[in-house]
C-alpha atoms as a PDB file:
ATOM      1  CA  MET A   1       0.000   0.000   0.000  1.00  0.00           C
ATOM      2  CA  SER A   2       1.444   3.342  -1.024  1.00  0.00           C
ATOM      3  CA  LEU A   3       1.758   6.254   1.379  1.00  0.00           C
ATOM      4  CA  ARG A   4      -1.105   8.151  -0.262  1.00  0.00           C
ATOM      5  CA  GLU A   5      -3.383   5.095  -0.076  1.00  0.00           C
ATOM      6  CA  GLN A   6      -2.466   4.646   3.592  1.00  0.00           C
ATOM      7  CA  ILE A   7      -3.304   8.300   4.307  1.00  0.00           C
ATOM      8  CA  LEU A   8      -6.705   7.965   2.613  1.00  0.00           C
ATOM      9  CA  ALA A   9      -7.477   4.767   4.528  1.00  0.00           C
ATOM     10  CA  ASP A  10      -6.484   6.431   7.815  1.00  0.00           C
ATOM     11  CA  MET A  11      -8.623   9.452   6.986  1.00  0.00           C
ATOM     12  CA  LYS A  12     -11.666   7.256   6.433  1.00  0.00           C
ATOM     13  CA  GLU A  13     -10.931   5.383   9.661  1.00  0.00           C
ATOM     14  CA  ALA A  14     -10.635   8.649  11.618  1.00  0.00           C
ATOM     15  CA  MET A  15     -13.934   9.853  10.151  1.00  0.00           C
ATOM     16  CA  LYS A  16     -15.727   6.664  11.151  1.00  0.00           C
ATOM     17  CA  ALA A  17     -14.225   6.778  14.659  1.00  0.00           C
ATOM     18  CA  ARG A  18     -15.075  10.488  14.959  1.00  0.00           C
ATOM     19  CA  GLU A  19     -11.510  11.396  15.936  1.00  0.00           C
ATOM     20  CA  ALA A  20     -11.603  15.104  15.087  1.00  0.00           C
ATOM     21  CA  ASP A  21      -7.994  15.926  16.055  1.00  0.00           C
ATOM     22  CA  ARG A  22      -6.541  12.981  14.139  1.00  0.00           C
ATOM     23  CA  LEU A  23      -8.747  13.726  11.146  1.00  0.00           C
ATOM     24  CA  SER A  24      -7.595  17.343  11.166  1.00  0.00           C
ATOM     25  CA  ALA A  25      -3.918  16.316  11.199  1.00  0.00           C
ATOM     26  CA  ILE A  26      -4.426  13.805   8.373  1.00  0.00           C
ATOM     27  CA  ARG A  27      -6.321  16.353   6.274  1.00  0.00           C
ATOM     28  CA  MET A  28      -3.483  18.837   6.780  1.00  0.00           C
ATOM     29  CA  LEU A  29      -1.053  16.188   5.534  1.00  0.00           C
ATOM     30  CA  GLN A  30      -3.307  15.326   2.599  1.00  0.00           C
ATOM     31  CA  ALA A  31      -3.509  19.013   1.597  1.00  0.00           C
ATOM     32  CA  ALA A  32       0.278  19.408   1.775  1.00  0.00           C
ATOM     33  CA  ILE A  33       0.775  16.342  -0.432  1.00  0.00           C
ATOM     34  CA  LYS A  34      -1.799  17.663  -2.910  1.00  0.00           C
ATOM     35  CA  ASN A  35       0.076  20.988  -3.049  1.00  0.00           C
ATOM     36  CA  LYS A  36       3.331  19.131  -3.720  1.00  0.00           C
ATOM     37  CA  GLU A  37       1.595  17.130  -6.444  1.00  0.00           C
ATOM     38  CA  ILE A  38       0.494  20.360  -8.122  1.00  0.00           C
ATOM     39  CA  GLU A  39       4.017  21.749  -7.767  1.00  0.00           C
ATOM     40  CA  VAL A  40       5.673  18.801  -9.572  1.00  0.00           C
ATOM     41  CA  ARG A  41       3.207  18.660 -12.451  1.00  0.00           C
ATOM     42  CA  PRO A  42       3.296  17.392 -15.211  1.00  0.00           C
ATOM     43  CA  ASN A  43       5.397  14.692 -13.502  1.00  0.00           C
ATOM     44  CA  GLU A  44       3.868  12.155 -11.140  1.00  0.00           C
ATOM     45  CA  LEU A  45       4.390  12.566  -7.392  1.00  0.00           C
ATOM     46  CA  SER A  46       6.847   9.897  -6.253  1.00  0.00           C
ATOM     47  CA  GLU A  47       6.840   8.099  -2.909  1.00  0.00           C
ATOM     48  CA  GLN A  48      10.055   9.968  -2.025  1.00  0.00           C
ATOM     49  CA  ASP A  49       8.370  13.306  -2.733  1.00  0.00           C
ATOM     50  CA  ALA A  50       5.444  12.352  -0.503  1.00  0.00           C
ATOM     51  CA  LEU A  51       7.805  11.214   2.258  1.00  0.00           C
ATOM     52  CA  GLY A  52       9.666  14.501   1.892  1.00  0.00           C
ATOM     53  CA  VAL A  53       6.414  16.365   2.536  1.00  0.00           C
ATOM     54  CA  VAL A  54       5.792  14.300   5.678  1.00  0.00           C
ATOM     55  CA  ARG A  55       9.367  14.956   6.898  1.00  0.00           C
ATOM     56  CA  LYS A  56       8.979  18.681   6.264  1.00  0.00           C
ATOM     57  CA  LEU A  57       5.716  18.848   8.196  1.00  0.00           C
ATOM     58  CA  ALA A  58       7.197  16.807  11.053  1.00  0.00           C
ATOM     59  CA  LYS A  59      10.173  19.171  11.253  1.00  0.00           C
ATOM     60  CA  GLN A  60       7.805  22.159  11.317  1.00  0.00           C
ATOM     61  CA  ARG A  61       5.910  20.564  14.204  1.00  0.00           C
ATOM     62  CA  LYS A  62       9.145  19.942  16.143  1.00  0.00           C
ATOM     63  CA  ASP A  63      10.190  23.559  15.678  1.00  0.00           C
ATOM     64  CA  SER A  64       6.744  24.790  16.728  1.00  0.00           C
ATOM     65  CA  ILE A  65       6.784  22.614  19.850  1.00  0.00           C
ATOM     66  CA  GLU A  66      10.143  24.124  20.811  1.00  0.00           C
ATOM     67  CA  GLU A  67       8.900  27.683  20.282  1.00  0.00           C
ATOM     68  CA  TYR A  68       5.581  27.135  22.078  1.00  0.00           C
ATOM     69  CA  THR A  69       7.393  25.559  25.018  1.00  0.00           C
ATOM     70  CA  LYS A  70       9.723  28.574  25.263  1.00  0.00           C
ATOM     71  CA  ALA A  71       6.680  30.871  25.223  1.00  0.00           C
ATOM     72  CA  ASN A  72       4.908  28.819  27.951  1.00  0.00           C
ATOM     73  CA  ARG A  73       2.042  27.907  25.600  1.00  0.00           C
ATOM     74  CA  VAL A  74       1.515  24.333  26.748  1.00  0.00           C
ATOM     75  CA  ASP A  75      -1.903  24.098  25.060  1.00  0.00           C
ATOM     76  CA  LEU A  76      -0.459  24.857  21.621  1.00  0.00           C
ATOM     77  CA  ALA A  77       2.599  22.679  22.227  1.00  0.00           C
ATOM     78  CA  ASP A  78       0.356  19.726  23.114  1.00  0.00           C
ATOM     79  CA  LYS A  79      -1.632  20.169  19.884  1.00  0.00           C
ATOM     80  CA  GLU A  80       1.593  20.199  17.862  1.00  0.00           C
ATOM     81  CA  LYS A  81       2.873  17.113  19.721  1.00  0.00           C
ATOM     82  CA  TYR A  82      -0.287  15.245  18.798  1.00  0.00           C
ATOM     83  CA  GLU A  83       0.023  16.252  15.134  1.00  0.00           C
ATOM     84  CA  LEU A  84       3.679  15.181  15.216  1.00  0.00           C
ATOM     85  CA  SER A  85       2.709  11.754  16.559  1.00  0.00           C
ATOM     86  CA  VAL A  86       0.215  11.356  13.693  1.00  0.00           C
ATOM     87  CA  LEU A  87       2.837  12.395  11.125  1.00  0.00           C
ATOM     88  CA  GLU A  88       5.525  10.107  12.555  1.00  0.00           C
ATOM     89  CA  ALA A  89       3.286   7.112  11.876  1.00  0.00           C
ATOM     90  CA  TYR A  90       3.920   7.687   8.138  1.00  0.00           C
ATOM     91  CA  LEU A  91       7.695   8.036   8.434  1.00  0.00           C
ATOM     92  CA  PRO A  92      10.151   5.140   8.323  1.00  0.00           C
ATOM     93  CA  ALA A  93      11.626   4.134  11.684  1.00  0.00           C
ATOM     94  CA  GLN A  94      14.388   6.487  12.799  1.00  0.00           C
ATOM     95  CA  LEU A  95      17.886   5.247  13.565  1.00  0.00           C
ATOM     96  CA  SER A  96      19.132   5.506  17.139  1.00  0.00           C
ATOM     97  CA  LYS A  97      21.916   7.947  17.990  1.00  0.00           C
ATOM     98  CA  GLU A  98      24.380   5.044  18.304  1.00  0.00           C
ATOM     99  CA  GLN A  99      23.484   3.774  14.838  1.00  0.00           C
ATOM    100  CA  VAL A 100      23.933   7.262  13.373  1.00  0.00           C
ATOM    101  CA  GLU A 101      27.314   7.569  15.116  1.00  0.00           C
ATOM    102  CA  LYS A 102      28.378   4.282  13.519  1.00  0.00           C
ATOM    103  CA  VAL A 103      27.392   5.498  10.029  1.00  0.00           C
ATOM    104  CA  VAL A 104      29.176   8.827  10.646  1.00  0.00           C
ATOM    105  CA  ALA A 105      32.341   6.970  11.696  1.00  0.00           C
ATOM    106  CA  GLU A 106      32.210   4.819   8.546  1.00  0.00           C
ATOM    107  CA  VAL A 107      31.705   7.845   6.286  1.00  0.00           C
ATOM    108  CA  MET A 108      34.479   9.855   7.961  1.00  0.00           C
ATOM    109  CA  GLU A 109      36.857   6.912   7.543  1.00  0.00           C
ATOM    110  CA  SER A 110      35.936   6.362   3.884  1.00  0.00           C
ATOM    111  CA  LEU A 111      36.251  10.084   3.055  1.00  0.00           C
ATOM    112  CA  GLY A 112      39.300  10.590   5.250  1.00  0.00           C
ATOM    113  CA  ALA A 113      37.610  13.560   6.904  1.00  0.00           C
ATOM    114  CA  THR A 114      39.538  15.165   9.749  1.00  0.00           C
ATOM    115  CA  GLU A 115      38.811  18.908   9.447  1.00  0.00           C
ATOM    116  CA  MET A 116      35.723  21.083   9.939  1.00  0.00           C
ATOM    117  CA  LYS A 117      35.819  22.257   6.323  1.00  0.00           C
ATOM    118  CA  GLN A 118      34.932  18.667   5.296  1.00  0.00           C
ATOM    119  CA  MET A 119      31.763  18.685   7.420  1.00  0.00           C
ATOM    120  CA  GLY A 120      29.423  19.392   4.496  1.00  0.00           C
ATOM    121  CA  ALA A 121      30.670  16.430   2.496  1.00  0.00           C
ATOM    122  CA  VAL A 122      30.397  14.104   5.493  1.00  0.00           C
ATOM    123  CA  VAL A 123      26.857  15.238   6.384  1.00  0.00           C
ATOM    124  CA  LYS A 124      25.718  14.902   2.771  1.00  0.00           C
ATOM    125  CA  GLU A 125      27.105  11.370   2.477  1.00  0.00           C
ATOM    126  CA  VAL A 126      25.586  10.298   5.817  1.00  0.00           C
ATOM    127  CA  GLN A 127      22.190  11.643   4.733  1.00  0.00           C
ATOM    128  CA  THR A 128      22.488   9.717   1.471  1.00  0.00           C
ATOM    129  CA  ARG A 129      23.349   6.473   3.273  1.00  0.00           C
ATOM    130  CA  THR A 130      20.633   6.819   5.917  1.00  0.00           C
ATOM    131  CA  ALA A 131      17.996   7.799   3.306  1.00  0.00           C
ATOM    132  CA  GLY A 132      15.768   9.797   5.629  1.00  0.00           C
ATOM    133  CA  THR A 133      15.952   7.442   8.599  1.00  0.00           C
ATOM    134  CA  ALA A 134      18.144   9.847  10.566  1.00  0.00           C
ATOM    135  CA  ASP A 135      17.397  13.395  11.662  1.00  0.00           C
ATOM    136  CA  GLY A 136      19.558  16.001   9.929  1.00  0.00           C
ATOM    137  CA  LYS A 137      20.077  17.919  13.163  1.00  0.00           C
ATOM    138  CA  THR A 138      21.378  14.789  14.916  1.00  0.00           C
ATOM    139  CA  ILE A 139      23.710  14.000  12.026  1.00  0.00           C
ATOM    140  CA  SER A 140      25.066  17.541  12.036  1.00  0.00           C
ATOM    141  CA  GLU A 141      25.691  17.519  15.809  1.00  0.00           C
ATOM    142  CA  ILE A 142      27.517  14.182  15.701  1.00  0.00           C
ATOM    143  CA  VAL A 143      29.696  15.174  12.735  1.00  0.00           C
ATOM    144  CA  LYS A 144      30.522  18.531  14.338  1.00  0.00           C
ATOM    145  CA  SER A 145      31.511  16.900  17.645  1.00  0.00           C
ATOM    146  CA  ARG A 146      33.783  14.420  15.865  1.00  0.00           C
ATOM    147  CA  LEU A 147      35.487  17.000  13.647  1.00  0.00           C
ATOM    148  CA  GLN A 148      36.176  19.631  16.312  1.00  0.00           C
ATOM    149  CA  PRO A 149      39.733  19.588  17.631  1.00  0.00           C
END
């Protein structure tokens, strides 16, 4: 079952169960995917494009949670946390920090990276190898900590 089919099935399920918050989050995701589909016309929307939309929305929710927490808006932060949990159900399982560190070590060894100016190349290669199963912020932090003198 493709991601779009899964989203439609979940939307129907949320409607039948009368889960208004979940339905709202799924509709928001559906609208964002539709916008991306319009953007890539006349080409078809690929699974990777759809996953990219989900990742983007999840990152927006994480950033919003951080900002709402700083502003002491617990009510808004809780709403964003719920939407994030709905979105994460459509994402592939994320690698643990230890697994990301292992991939970073392999990439640094294969590229021979030892200086900060090589950080971009290392991060790019790690992101390619993990194919969206690792958070970019985590990758960046690990690479930076390993390259600093």
